[in-house]
């Protein structure tokens, strides 16, 4: 007798947040322009962006404020944002349109499946994971994104010397992330423990909220071994 297939552990919950009229319009009008539909086959990122340039993946961009600001400040770099929440995708699409950005593409799908199915090995020059869901209750820690298997997958999609920048305002998650990244043989820490906040990183909405609540922000910057 065959055992039923196990459902993968999801690292997110699709919250039923309100989608504004502007965000809904962005899905209809702008997603066909700047979006890349999920499909279970590898894609050519240079073709998707229409040029050869460094490629940086951002996982879970929220409402897209930080992604748009970074992309506007670095037009020489291409940014691929992956997010599951419709309002956030609509928010980033509207920012792309308002700022006239040409160097951002969006995939609305589970980042793990995007990495597994769509991105070839040694494709990425950088990865941003800013304030992933901390799943603070101990029984939910298994839902945290940064786990050994995920890091191994992520590292396989990074080029030699590519960087990984993770930020969180939850101390126990920060320490778990530090331990997990340190244990991956493909990665090397750029600092002794936690990294100083990169000067090029703009303050995010989640960072402002955490600081207002009295939380410290922990940054981790690793590179893939050459």
N, C-alpha and C. Protein backbone atom coordinates (compact mmCIF):
# COMPACT_ATOMS: atom_id res chain seq x y z
N UNK A 1 0.85 -1.19 0.00
CA UNK A 1 0.00 0.00 0.00
C UNK A 1 0.89 1.24 0.00
N UNK A 2 0.63 2.14 -0.93
CA UNK A 2 1.43 3.36 -1.00
C UNK A 2 1.07 4.32 0.11
N UNK A 3 2.12 4.94 0.69
CA UNK A 3 1.88 5.95 1.70
C UNK A 3 1.50 7.26 1.02
N UNK A 4 0.58 8.03 1.65
CA UNK A 4 0.22 9.31 1.06
C UNK A 4 1.42 10.25 1.05
N UNK A 5 1.53 11.04 -0.01
CA UNK A 5 2.65 11.99 -0.11
C UNK A 5 2.53 13.05 0.97
N UNK A 6 3.65 13.38 1.57
CA UNK A 6 3.66 14.41 2.59
C UNK A 6 3.59 15.78 1.95
N UNK A 7 2.79 16.65 2.53
CA UNK A 7 2.76 18.02 2.07
C UNK A 7 4.00 18.73 2.59
N UNK A 8 4.67 19.53 1.76
CA UNK A 8 5.84 20.26 2.26
C UNK A 8 5.43 21.27 3.32
N UNK A 9 6.34 21.52 4.25
CA UNK A 9 6.07 22.51 5.29
C UNK A 9 6.15 23.89 4.68
N UNK A 10 5.09 24.66 4.81
CA UNK A 10 5.06 26.00 4.27
C UNK A 10 5.68 26.98 5.26
N UNK A 11 6.48 27.90 4.74
CA UNK A 11 7.13 28.89 5.60
C UNK A 11 6.34 30.19 5.65
N UNK A 12 5.14 30.18 5.10
CA UNK A 12 4.32 31.38 5.06
C UNK A 12 2.86 30.99 5.18
N UNK A 13 2.04 31.98 5.51
CA UNK A 13 0.59 31.82 5.50
C UNK A 13 0.03 32.87 4.56
N UNK A 14 -0.85 32.46 3.66
CA UNK A 14 -1.46 33.42 2.74
C UNK A 14 -2.55 34.18 3.48
N UNK A 15 -2.17 35.31 4.05
CA UNK A 15 -3.11 36.13 4.80
C UNK A 15 -4.07 36.82 3.83
N UNK A 16 -5.32 36.91 4.24
CA UNK A 16 -6.34 37.51 3.39
C UNK A 16 -6.39 39.02 3.59
N UNK A 17 -5.27 39.67 3.33
CA UNK A 17 -5.23 41.11 3.44
C UNK A 17 -5.98 41.76 2.29
N UNK A 18 -6.43 42.98 2.53
CA UNK A 18 -7.21 43.69 1.52
C UNK A 18 -6.29 44.13 0.38
N UNK A 19 -6.72 43.83 -0.83
CA UNK A 19 -6.03 44.30 -2.02
C UNK A 19 -6.71 45.57 -2.50
N UNK A 20 -5.96 46.66 -2.60
CA UNK A 20 -6.54 47.92 -3.02
C UNK A 20 -6.85 47.89 -4.52
N UNK A 21 -7.63 48.87 -4.95
CA UNK A 21 -7.95 48.97 -6.38
C UNK A 21 -6.69 49.18 -7.20
N UNK A 22 -5.74 49.97 -6.67
CA UNK A 22 -4.49 50.22 -7.39
C UNK A 22 -3.66 48.95 -7.50
N UNK A 23 -3.65 48.15 -6.44
CA UNK A 23 -2.89 46.90 -6.48
C UNK A 23 -3.54 45.90 -7.43
N UNK A 24 -4.87 45.85 -7.43
CA UNK A 24 -5.57 44.95 -8.35
C UNK A 24 -5.32 45.37 -9.80
N UNK A 25 -5.32 46.67 -10.05
CA UNK A 25 -5.03 47.15 -11.40
C UNK A 25 -3.60 46.78 -11.81
N UNK A 26 -2.66 46.88 -10.86
CA UNK A 26 -1.27 46.52 -11.16
C UNK A 26 -1.18 45.07 -11.59
N UNK A 27 -1.96 44.20 -10.96
CA UNK A 27 -1.95 42.80 -11.36
C UNK A 27 -2.45 42.63 -12.79
N UNK A 28 -3.49 43.36 -13.13
CA UNK A 28 -4.06 43.23 -14.47
C UNK A 28 -3.16 43.83 -15.55
N UNK A 29 -2.60 45.00 -15.26
CA UNK A 29 -1.92 45.77 -16.29
C UNK A 29 -0.40 45.60 -16.26
N UNK A 30 0.19 45.58 -15.05
CA UNK A 30 1.65 45.62 -14.93
C UNK A 30 2.29 44.24 -14.75
N UNK A 31 1.57 43.30 -14.12
CA UNK A 31 2.17 41.98 -13.93
C UNK A 31 2.51 41.31 -15.26
N UNK A 32 1.69 41.44 -16.32
CA UNK A 32 2.09 40.86 -17.61
C UNK A 32 3.35 41.50 -18.19
N UNK A 33 3.67 42.72 -17.75
CA UNK A 33 4.85 43.42 -18.27
C UNK A 33 6.10 43.08 -17.48
N UNK A 34 6.01 43.15 -16.15
CA UNK A 34 7.18 42.99 -15.28
C UNK A 34 7.20 41.67 -14.53
N UNK A 35 6.17 40.88 -14.68
CA UNK A 35 6.11 39.60 -13.99
C UNK A 35 6.66 38.45 -14.82
N UNK A 36 7.14 37.44 -14.13
CA UNK A 36 7.56 36.19 -14.76
C UNK A 36 6.65 35.10 -14.20
N UNK A 37 5.81 34.48 -15.01
CA UNK A 37 4.92 33.43 -14.48
C UNK A 37 5.73 32.25 -13.95
N UNK A 38 5.25 31.67 -12.86
CA UNK A 38 5.91 30.45 -12.38
C UNK A 38 5.64 29.32 -13.35
N UNK A 39 6.69 28.59 -13.65
CA UNK A 39 6.56 27.37 -14.43
C UNK A 39 7.69 26.42 -14.01
N UNK A 40 7.42 25.13 -14.00
CA UNK A 40 8.41 24.17 -13.50
C UNK A 40 9.50 23.86 -14.51
N UNK A 41 10.16 24.89 -15.00
CA UNK A 41 11.29 24.70 -15.91
C UNK A 41 12.23 25.88 -15.73
N UNK A 42 13.52 25.64 -15.97
CA UNK A 42 14.50 26.69 -15.74
C UNK A 42 14.32 27.83 -16.75
N UNK A 43 14.66 29.03 -16.28
CA UNK A 43 14.53 30.21 -17.13
C UNK A 43 15.90 30.84 -17.35
N UNK A 44 16.00 31.60 -18.40
CA UNK A 44 17.20 32.36 -18.74
C UNK A 44 16.99 33.78 -18.22
N UNK A 45 17.66 34.12 -17.12
CA UNK A 45 17.45 35.43 -16.51
C UNK A 45 17.95 36.57 -17.40
N UNK A 46 19.01 36.34 -18.15
CA UNK A 46 19.47 37.39 -19.05
C UNK A 46 18.41 37.69 -20.11
N UNK A 47 17.75 36.68 -20.59
CA UNK A 47 16.68 36.90 -21.54
C UNK A 47 15.49 37.58 -20.87
N UNK A 48 15.18 37.19 -19.63
CA UNK A 48 14.05 37.78 -18.92
C UNK A 48 14.24 39.28 -18.67
N UNK A 49 15.49 39.68 -18.42
CA UNK A 49 15.79 41.09 -18.17
C UNK A 49 16.24 41.82 -19.43
N UNK A 50 16.55 41.08 -20.46
CA UNK A 50 16.96 41.70 -21.71
C UNK A 50 18.38 42.22 -21.73
N UNK A 51 19.22 41.70 -20.84
CA UNK A 51 20.61 42.15 -20.83
C UNK A 51 21.45 41.24 -19.95
N UNK A 52 22.77 41.38 -20.07
CA UNK A 52 23.71 40.71 -19.17
C UNK A 52 24.09 41.70 -18.07
N UNK A 53 23.80 41.36 -16.84
CA UNK A 53 24.09 42.22 -15.68
C UNK A 53 24.04 41.34 -14.44
N UNK A 54 24.64 41.79 -13.33
CA UNK A 54 24.54 41.01 -12.10
C UNK A 54 23.08 40.80 -11.70
N UNK A 55 22.78 39.62 -11.19
CA UNK A 55 21.41 39.27 -10.82
C UNK A 55 21.31 39.03 -9.31
N UNK A 56 20.38 39.73 -8.66
CA UNK A 56 20.17 39.60 -7.22
C UNK A 56 18.73 39.17 -6.98
N UNK A 57 18.57 38.14 -6.17
CA UNK A 57 17.26 37.62 -5.80
C UNK A 57 16.85 38.19 -4.45
N UNK A 58 15.61 38.69 -4.36
CA UNK A 58 15.07 39.07 -3.05
C UNK A 58 13.88 38.18 -2.74
N UNK A 59 13.93 37.51 -1.60
CA UNK A 59 12.89 36.59 -1.18
C UNK A 59 12.01 37.28 -0.14
N UNK A 60 10.72 37.39 -0.44
CA UNK A 60 9.78 37.99 0.50
C UNK A 60 9.96 39.49 0.61
N UNK A 61 9.58 40.23 -0.43
CA UNK A 61 9.85 41.67 -0.45
C UNK A 61 8.76 42.51 0.19
N UNK A 62 7.75 41.88 0.79
CA UNK A 62 6.71 42.65 1.48
C UNK A 62 5.94 43.52 0.50
N UNK A 63 5.88 44.83 0.78
CA UNK A 63 5.18 45.76 -0.10
C UNK A 63 6.10 46.33 -1.17
N UNK A 64 7.36 45.93 -1.18
CA UNK A 64 8.26 46.31 -2.26
C UNK A 64 8.97 47.63 -2.09
N UNK A 65 8.77 48.30 -0.96
CA UNK A 65 9.39 49.61 -0.75
C UNK A 65 10.91 49.53 -0.83
N UNK A 66 11.49 48.60 -0.09
CA UNK A 66 12.95 48.48 -0.05
C UNK A 66 13.50 48.01 -1.39
N UNK A 67 12.83 47.04 -1.99
CA UNK A 67 13.27 46.53 -3.30
C UNK A 67 13.36 47.65 -4.32
N UNK A 68 12.32 48.47 -4.37
CA UNK A 68 12.29 49.56 -5.35
C UNK A 68 13.39 50.59 -5.07
N UNK A 69 13.62 50.89 -3.81
CA UNK A 69 14.65 51.87 -3.47
C UNK A 69 16.04 51.36 -3.84
N UNK A 70 16.31 50.10 -3.55
CA UNK A 70 17.61 49.53 -3.90
C UNK A 70 17.79 49.48 -5.41
N UNK A 71 16.75 49.06 -6.12
CA UNK A 71 16.83 48.96 -7.58
C UNK A 71 17.03 50.33 -8.22
N UNK A 72 16.37 51.34 -7.67
CA UNK A 72 16.52 52.69 -8.21
C UNK A 72 17.94 53.22 -7.99
N UNK A 73 18.54 52.83 -6.85
CA UNK A 73 19.90 53.29 -6.54
C UNK A 73 20.97 52.52 -7.31
N UNK A 74 20.62 51.35 -7.85
CA UNK A 74 21.60 50.50 -8.56
C UNK A 74 21.03 50.03 -9.89
N UNK A 75 20.90 50.93 -10.85
CA UNK A 75 20.34 50.52 -12.14
C UNK A 75 21.22 49.56 -12.91
N UNK A 76 22.47 49.41 -12.48
CA UNK A 76 23.39 48.50 -13.17
C UNK A 76 23.19 47.04 -12.75
N UNK A 77 22.31 46.81 -11.75
CA UNK A 77 22.05 45.47 -11.22
C UNK A 77 20.59 45.11 -11.48
N UNK A 78 20.33 43.85 -11.81
CA UNK A 78 18.96 43.36 -12.01
C UNK A 78 18.48 42.67 -10.74
N UNK A 79 17.23 42.95 -10.36
CA UNK A 79 16.65 42.41 -9.13
C UNK A 79 15.42 41.56 -9.45
N UNK A 80 15.44 40.33 -8.97
CA UNK A 80 14.31 39.42 -9.11
C UNK A 80 13.64 39.28 -7.75
N UNK A 81 12.41 39.80 -7.63
CA UNK A 81 11.68 39.72 -6.38
C UNK A 81 10.68 38.59 -6.39
N UNK A 82 10.68 37.79 -5.32
CA UNK A 82 9.75 36.68 -5.20
C UNK A 82 8.90 36.89 -3.96
N UNK A 83 7.59 36.87 -4.12
CA UNK A 83 6.66 37.14 -3.01
C UNK A 83 5.37 36.38 -3.29
N UNK A 84 4.72 35.90 -2.22
CA UNK A 84 3.47 35.15 -2.40
C UNK A 84 2.23 36.01 -2.21
N UNK A 85 2.35 37.14 -1.53
CA UNK A 85 1.17 37.93 -1.16
C UNK A 85 0.79 38.91 -2.25
N UNK A 86 -0.45 38.83 -2.69
CA UNK A 86 -0.94 39.65 -3.81
C UNK A 86 -0.82 41.14 -3.54
N UNK A 87 -1.21 41.67 -2.36
CA UNK A 87 -1.07 43.11 -2.14
C UNK A 87 0.37 43.58 -2.26
N UNK A 88 1.33 42.79 -1.76
CA UNK A 88 2.74 43.17 -1.86
C UNK A 88 3.22 43.18 -3.29
N UNK A 89 2.81 42.19 -4.07
CA UNK A 89 3.19 42.16 -5.48
C UNK A 89 2.63 43.38 -6.20
N UNK A 90 1.37 43.70 -5.93
CA UNK A 90 0.78 44.89 -6.52
C UNK A 90 1.49 46.15 -6.10
N UNK A 91 1.91 46.21 -4.83
CA UNK A 91 2.62 47.38 -4.34
C UNK A 91 3.94 47.58 -5.06
N UNK A 92 4.71 46.50 -5.24
CA UNK A 92 5.99 46.63 -5.93
C UNK A 92 5.78 46.99 -7.40
N UNK A 93 4.80 46.38 -8.05
CA UNK A 93 4.54 46.70 -9.45
C UNK A 93 4.22 48.18 -9.63
N UNK A 94 3.45 48.74 -8.71
CA UNK A 94 3.14 50.17 -8.81
C UNK A 94 4.38 51.02 -8.59
N UNK A 95 5.28 50.60 -7.73
CA UNK A 95 6.52 51.35 -7.52
C UNK A 95 7.42 51.26 -8.76
N UNK A 96 7.48 50.09 -9.37
CA UNK A 96 8.25 49.94 -10.61
C UNK A 96 7.75 50.93 -11.65
N UNK A 97 6.42 51.00 -11.78
CA UNK A 97 5.81 51.88 -12.77
C UNK A 97 6.06 53.35 -12.43
N UNK A 98 5.87 53.72 -11.17
CA UNK A 98 6.02 55.12 -10.76
C UNK A 98 7.45 55.62 -10.92
N UNK A 99 8.42 54.74 -10.64
CA UNK A 99 9.83 55.13 -10.70
C UNK A 99 10.45 54.88 -12.07
N UNK A 100 9.71 54.25 -12.95
CA UNK A 100 10.24 53.94 -14.28
C UNK A 100 11.39 52.95 -14.24
N UNK A 101 11.34 51.98 -13.32
CA UNK A 101 12.42 51.02 -13.18
C UNK A 101 12.39 50.00 -14.31
N UNK A 102 13.57 49.69 -14.82
CA UNK A 102 13.70 48.70 -15.87
C UNK A 102 14.40 47.43 -15.38
N UNK A 103 14.90 47.45 -14.15
CA UNK A 103 15.78 46.39 -13.66
C UNK A 103 15.15 45.54 -12.56
N UNK A 104 13.82 45.43 -12.56
CA UNK A 104 13.12 44.60 -11.57
C UNK A 104 12.14 43.68 -12.30
N UNK A 105 12.13 42.41 -11.91
CA UNK A 105 11.13 41.46 -12.36
C UNK A 105 10.55 40.78 -11.12
N UNK A 106 9.32 40.29 -11.25
CA UNK A 106 8.57 39.78 -10.10
C UNK A 106 8.02 38.39 -10.42
N UNK A 107 8.17 37.49 -9.46
CA UNK A 107 7.52 36.18 -9.53
C UNK A 107 6.63 36.05 -8.30
N UNK A 108 5.35 35.84 -8.50
CA UNK A 108 4.42 35.64 -7.39
C UNK A 108 4.25 34.14 -7.16
N UNK A 109 5.09 33.63 -6.26
CA UNK A 109 5.06 32.18 -6.02
C UNK A 109 5.94 31.88 -4.80
N UNK A 110 5.88 30.65 -4.34
CA UNK A 110 6.70 30.15 -3.25
C UNK A 110 8.17 30.16 -3.66
N UNK A 111 9.00 30.84 -2.88
CA UNK A 111 10.42 30.99 -3.22
C UNK A 111 11.15 29.65 -3.30
N UNK A 112 10.78 28.71 -2.45
CA UNK A 112 11.45 27.41 -2.48
C UNK A 112 11.24 26.73 -3.83
N UNK A 113 10.00 26.76 -4.32
CA UNK A 113 9.73 26.13 -5.61
C UNK A 113 10.38 26.89 -6.76
N UNK A 114 10.46 28.21 -6.63
CA UNK A 114 11.15 29.00 -7.66
C UNK A 114 12.62 28.59 -7.72
N UNK A 115 13.26 28.45 -6.57
CA UNK A 115 14.66 28.04 -6.53
C UNK A 115 14.83 26.63 -7.08
N UNK A 116 13.94 25.74 -6.69
CA UNK A 116 14.06 24.34 -7.12
C UNK A 116 13.82 24.17 -8.62
N UNK A 117 12.81 24.87 -9.14
CA UNK A 117 12.33 24.58 -10.49
C UNK A 117 12.80 25.57 -11.55
N UNK A 118 12.99 26.84 -11.19
CA UNK A 118 13.17 27.87 -12.21
C UNK A 118 14.59 28.42 -12.33
N UNK A 119 15.34 28.42 -11.26
CA UNK A 119 16.67 29.05 -11.30
C UNK A 119 17.76 28.00 -11.48
N UNK A 120 18.57 28.13 -12.52
CA UNK A 120 19.66 27.18 -12.73
C UNK A 120 20.74 27.33 -11.67
N UNK A 121 21.60 26.33 -11.49
CA UNK A 121 22.73 26.46 -10.57
C UNK A 121 23.65 27.60 -10.98
N UNK A 122 24.30 28.19 -9.97
CA UNK A 122 25.32 29.23 -10.18
C UNK A 122 24.80 30.37 -11.04
N UNK A 123 23.61 30.87 -10.68
CA UNK A 123 22.96 31.93 -11.45
C UNK A 123 23.04 33.29 -10.77
N UNK A 124 23.00 33.32 -9.44
CA UNK A 124 22.79 34.56 -8.69
C UNK A 124 24.09 35.18 -8.20
N UNK A 125 24.16 36.50 -8.31
CA UNK A 125 25.28 37.25 -7.77
C UNK A 125 25.03 37.70 -6.34
N UNK A 126 23.78 37.68 -5.91
CA UNK A 126 23.45 38.08 -4.55
C UNK A 126 22.05 37.64 -4.19
N UNK A 127 21.79 37.56 -2.88
CA UNK A 127 20.47 37.19 -2.36
C UNK A 127 20.16 38.08 -1.16
N UNK A 128 18.96 38.64 -1.13
CA UNK A 128 18.47 39.42 0.00
C UNK A 128 17.30 38.68 0.65
N UNK A 129 17.38 38.49 1.96
CA UNK A 129 16.25 37.96 2.72
C UNK A 129 16.10 38.88 3.94
N UNK A 130 15.22 39.86 3.82
CA UNK A 130 15.07 40.86 4.86
C UNK A 130 13.82 40.58 5.70
N UNK A 131 14.05 40.32 6.99
CA UNK A 131 12.98 40.13 7.97
C UNK A 131 12.00 39.03 7.58
N UNK A 132 12.53 37.81 7.37
CA UNK A 132 11.63 36.68 7.11
C UNK A 132 10.76 36.42 8.34
N UNK A 133 9.61 35.82 8.11
CA UNK A 133 8.68 35.54 9.21
C UNK A 133 9.41 34.77 10.31
N UNK A 134 9.45 35.30 11.55
CA UNK A 134 10.23 34.63 12.61
C UNK A 134 9.53 33.42 13.22
N UNK A 135 8.24 33.24 12.95
CA UNK A 135 7.51 32.14 13.57
C UNK A 135 7.97 31.99 15.03
N UNK A 136 7.61 32.94 15.89
CA UNK A 136 8.21 33.01 17.23
C UNK A 136 7.88 31.86 18.17
N UNK A 137 6.72 31.22 18.01
CA UNK A 137 6.38 30.12 18.91
C UNK A 137 7.26 28.90 18.59
N UNK A 138 7.75 28.26 19.63
CA UNK A 138 8.70 27.17 19.44
C UNK A 138 8.13 26.06 18.57
N UNK A 139 6.85 25.76 18.73
CA UNK A 139 6.26 24.66 17.94
C UNK A 139 6.18 25.00 16.45
N UNK A 140 6.37 26.30 16.12
CA UNK A 140 6.33 26.72 14.72
C UNK A 140 7.72 26.93 14.12
N UNK A 141 8.77 26.70 14.89
CA UNK A 141 10.13 26.95 14.37
C UNK A 141 10.42 26.15 13.11
N UNK A 142 9.77 25.01 12.96
CA UNK A 142 10.00 24.20 11.76
C UNK A 142 9.54 24.91 10.50
N UNK A 143 8.71 25.94 10.65
CA UNK A 143 8.23 26.71 9.50
C UNK A 143 9.18 27.82 9.09
N UNK A 144 10.20 28.08 9.87
CA UNK A 144 11.14 29.14 9.53
C UNK A 144 11.83 28.83 8.20
N UNK A 145 12.02 29.87 7.42
CA UNK A 145 12.60 29.69 6.08
C UNK A 145 14.04 29.21 6.14
N UNK A 146 14.84 29.82 7.02
CA UNK A 146 16.27 29.53 7.03
C UNK A 146 16.52 28.23 7.79
N UNK A 147 16.59 27.14 7.05
CA UNK A 147 16.89 25.81 7.55
C UNK A 147 18.02 25.25 6.69
N UNK A 148 18.68 24.21 7.17
CA UNK A 148 19.86 23.67 6.49
C UNK A 148 19.57 23.28 5.05
N UNK A 149 18.46 22.59 4.80
CA UNK A 149 18.16 22.13 3.44
C UNK A 149 17.92 23.31 2.50
N UNK A 150 17.24 24.33 3.01
CA UNK A 150 16.99 25.51 2.18
C UNK A 150 18.29 26.24 1.87
N UNK A 151 19.16 26.37 2.85
CA UNK A 151 20.43 27.06 2.63
C UNK A 151 21.28 26.31 1.60
N UNK A 152 21.27 25.00 1.68
CA UNK A 152 22.01 24.20 0.69
C UNK A 152 21.48 24.46 -0.72
N UNK A 153 20.14 24.49 -0.86
CA UNK A 153 19.53 24.77 -2.15
C UNK A 153 19.90 26.17 -2.62
N UNK A 154 19.79 27.14 -1.73
CA UNK A 154 20.09 28.52 -2.08
C UNK A 154 21.54 28.68 -2.52
N UNK A 155 22.46 28.09 -1.77
CA UNK A 155 23.88 28.19 -2.11
C UNK A 155 24.17 27.60 -3.48
N UNK A 156 23.44 26.56 -3.84
CA UNK A 156 23.68 25.93 -5.15
C UNK A 156 23.28 26.84 -6.30
N UNK A 157 22.40 27.80 -6.04
CA UNK A 157 21.97 28.74 -7.09
C UNK A 157 22.82 30.00 -7.11
N UNK A 158 23.74 30.13 -6.19
CA UNK A 158 24.62 31.30 -6.12
C UNK A 158 25.92 31.03 -6.87
N UNK A 159 26.44 32.06 -7.54
CA UNK A 159 27.74 31.96 -8.19
C UNK A 159 28.84 31.94 -7.13
N UNK A 160 30.02 31.46 -7.45
CA UNK A 160 31.16 31.62 -6.54
C UNK A 160 31.36 33.10 -6.21
N UNK A 161 31.58 33.39 -4.92
CA UNK A 161 31.78 34.75 -4.40
C UNK A 161 30.49 35.56 -4.32
N UNK A 162 29.34 34.99 -4.69
CA UNK A 162 28.07 35.70 -4.52
C UNK A 162 27.79 35.89 -3.04
N UNK A 163 27.03 36.94 -2.71
CA UNK A 163 26.75 37.24 -1.30
C UNK A 163 25.32 36.89 -0.93
N UNK A 164 25.12 36.62 0.36
CA UNK A 164 23.81 36.39 0.95
C UNK A 164 23.66 37.34 2.14
N UNK A 165 22.67 38.21 2.09
CA UNK A 165 22.42 39.16 3.18
C UNK A 165 21.07 38.85 3.80
N UNK A 166 21.08 38.48 5.08
CA UNK A 166 19.86 38.20 5.84
C UNK A 166 19.78 39.20 7.00
N UNK A 167 18.59 39.71 7.26
CA UNK A 167 18.39 40.61 8.40
C UNK A 167 17.14 40.18 9.15
N UNK A 168 17.19 40.24 10.48
CA UNK A 168 16.04 39.91 11.32
C UNK A 168 16.10 40.71 12.60
N UNK A 169 14.95 40.93 13.22
CA UNK A 169 14.92 41.62 14.51
C UNK A 169 14.49 40.68 15.64
N UNK A 170 14.57 39.38 15.39
CA UNK A 170 14.29 38.37 16.42
C UNK A 170 15.60 37.70 16.81
N UNK A 171 16.02 37.88 18.04
CA UNK A 171 17.36 37.44 18.45
C UNK A 171 17.54 35.93 18.33
N UNK A 172 16.56 35.14 18.78
CA UNK A 172 16.76 33.69 18.73
C UNK A 172 16.81 33.20 17.29
N UNK A 173 16.05 33.83 16.40
CA UNK A 173 16.10 33.47 14.98
C UNK A 173 17.44 33.89 14.39
N UNK A 174 17.93 35.07 14.80
CA UNK A 174 19.23 35.52 14.30
C UNK A 174 20.32 34.52 14.66
N UNK A 175 20.27 34.01 15.88
CA UNK A 175 21.30 33.05 16.31
C UNK A 175 21.14 31.72 15.58
N UNK A 176 19.91 31.31 15.33
CA UNK A 176 19.69 30.08 14.54
C UNK A 176 20.21 30.26 13.12
N UNK A 177 19.93 31.43 12.52
CA UNK A 177 20.40 31.70 11.16
C UNK A 177 21.92 31.68 11.11
N UNK A 178 22.54 32.33 12.09
CA UNK A 178 24.01 32.36 12.13
C UNK A 178 24.57 30.95 12.20
N UNK A 179 24.01 30.12 13.05
CA UNK A 179 24.49 28.74 13.19
C UNK A 179 24.27 27.96 11.90
N UNK A 180 23.09 28.12 11.29
CA UNK A 180 22.76 27.37 10.08
C UNK A 180 23.67 27.77 8.92
N UNK A 181 23.88 29.07 8.73
CA UNK A 181 24.74 29.52 7.64
C UNK A 181 26.19 29.11 7.88
N UNK A 182 26.63 29.18 9.12
CA UNK A 182 28.02 28.83 9.44
C UNK A 182 28.29 27.36 9.16
N UNK A 183 27.28 26.52 9.35
CA UNK A 183 27.47 25.08 9.18
C UNK A 183 27.44 24.65 7.71
N UNK A 184 27.00 25.54 6.82
CA UNK A 184 26.97 25.15 5.41
C UNK A 184 28.38 25.28 4.83
N UNK A 185 28.95 24.21 4.29
CA UNK A 185 30.34 24.25 3.82
C UNK A 185 30.56 25.14 2.60
N UNK A 186 29.47 25.51 1.90
CA UNK A 186 29.63 26.33 0.69
C UNK A 186 29.74 27.81 1.02
N UNK A 187 29.43 28.19 2.27
CA UNK A 187 29.37 29.60 2.63
C UNK A 187 30.44 29.97 3.64
N UNK A 188 30.84 31.22 3.60
CA UNK A 188 31.81 31.74 4.57
C UNK A 188 31.31 33.08 5.07
N UNK A 189 31.42 33.30 6.37
CA UNK A 189 30.97 34.54 6.98
C UNK A 189 31.93 35.68 6.63
N UNK A 190 31.38 36.86 6.33
CA UNK A 190 32.22 38.02 6.03
C UNK A 190 32.58 38.79 7.29
N UNK A 191 32.04 38.36 8.44
CA UNK A 191 32.29 39.05 9.71
C UNK A 191 32.56 38.03 10.79
N UNK A 192 32.96 38.51 11.94
CA UNK A 192 33.10 37.64 13.12
C UNK A 192 31.74 37.59 13.80
N UNK A 193 30.91 36.65 13.40
CA UNK A 193 29.55 36.60 13.94
C UNK A 193 28.62 37.45 13.10
N UNK A 194 27.88 38.35 13.77
CA UNK A 194 26.95 39.20 13.05
C UNK A 194 27.70 40.34 12.36
N UNK A 195 27.15 40.80 11.24
CA UNK A 195 27.81 41.81 10.42
C UNK A 195 27.31 43.19 10.80
N UNK A 196 28.14 44.21 10.63
CA UNK A 196 27.62 45.58 10.75
C UNK A 196 26.61 45.82 9.64
N UNK A 197 25.66 46.69 9.90
CA UNK A 197 24.63 46.97 8.91
C UNK A 197 25.26 47.56 7.65
N UNK A 198 25.07 46.92 6.49
CA UNK A 198 25.66 47.47 5.26
C UNK A 198 25.16 48.88 4.99
N UNK A 199 26.08 49.77 4.64
CA UNK A 199 25.72 51.16 4.41
C UNK A 199 24.77 51.32 3.23
N UNK A 200 24.80 50.38 2.31
CA UNK A 200 23.96 50.49 1.11
C UNK A 200 22.54 49.99 1.33
N UNK A 201 22.24 49.44 2.53
CA UNK A 201 20.91 48.89 2.77
C UNK A 201 19.98 49.95 3.33
N UNK A 202 18.89 50.29 2.62
CA UNK A 202 17.94 51.25 3.17
C UNK A 202 17.14 50.63 4.30
N UNK A 203 16.63 51.47 5.18
CA UNK A 203 15.81 50.99 6.29
C UNK A 203 14.48 50.48 5.76
N UNK A 204 14.07 49.29 6.21
CA UNK A 204 12.81 48.72 5.76
C UNK A 204 11.69 49.05 6.73
N UNK A 205 10.46 48.84 6.28
CA UNK A 205 9.29 49.05 7.14
C UNK A 205 9.37 48.13 8.36
N UNK A 206 9.78 46.88 8.16
CA UNK A 206 9.87 45.93 9.27
C UNK A 206 10.97 46.35 10.24
N UNK A 207 12.06 46.92 9.71
CA UNK A 207 13.13 47.40 10.58
C UNK A 207 12.64 48.57 11.43
N UNK A 208 11.94 49.52 10.82
CA UNK A 208 11.41 50.66 11.58
C UNK A 208 10.46 50.18 12.66
N UNK A 209 9.61 49.21 12.33
CA UNK A 209 8.67 48.70 13.31
C UNK A 209 9.40 48.00 14.45
N UNK A 210 10.40 47.20 14.11
CA UNK A 210 11.16 46.50 15.15
C UNK A 210 11.89 47.45 16.07
N UNK A 211 12.53 48.47 15.49
CA UNK A 211 13.25 49.45 16.30
C UNK A 211 12.28 50.19 17.21
N UNK A 212 11.09 50.52 16.69
CA UNK A 212 10.08 51.22 17.49
C UNK A 212 9.63 50.37 18.67
N UNK A 213 9.67 49.04 18.49
CA UNK A 213 9.29 48.12 19.58
C UNK A 213 10.46 47.80 20.51
N UNK A 214 11.61 48.42 20.23
CA UNK A 214 12.78 48.19 21.07
C UNK A 214 13.61 47.00 20.66
N UNK A 215 13.38 46.48 19.46
CA UNK A 215 14.14 45.32 18.99
C UNK A 215 15.44 45.78 18.34
N UNK A 216 16.47 45.01 18.52
CA UNK A 216 17.71 45.23 17.78
C UNK A 216 17.60 44.51 16.44
N UNK A 217 18.32 44.99 15.44
CA UNK A 217 18.36 44.33 14.14
C UNK A 217 19.70 43.62 13.99
N UNK A 218 19.65 42.34 13.60
CA UNK A 218 20.85 41.55 13.36
C UNK A 218 21.01 41.33 11.86
N UNK A 219 22.17 41.68 11.34
CA UNK A 219 22.50 41.46 9.93
C UNK A 219 23.52 40.33 9.82
N UNK A 220 23.34 39.52 8.80
CA UNK A 220 24.30 38.45 8.52
C UNK A 220 24.64 38.52 7.04
N UNK A 221 25.92 38.59 6.73
CA UNK A 221 26.38 38.67 5.35
C UNK A 221 27.41 37.56 5.12
N UNK A 222 27.04 36.60 4.30
CA UNK A 222 27.92 35.48 3.95
C UNK A 222 28.22 35.54 2.46
N UNK A 223 29.31 34.88 2.06
CA UNK A 223 29.63 34.75 0.64
C UNK A 223 29.82 33.27 0.32
N UNK A 224 29.53 32.93 -0.93
CA UNK A 224 29.79 31.57 -1.37
C UNK A 224 31.29 31.45 -1.66
N UNK A 225 31.84 30.34 -1.25
CA UNK A 225 33.27 30.11 -1.46
C UNK A 225 33.60 30.08 -2.95
N UNK A 226 34.73 30.65 -3.28
CA UNK A 226 35.17 30.64 -4.69
C UNK A 226 35.72 29.27 -5.05
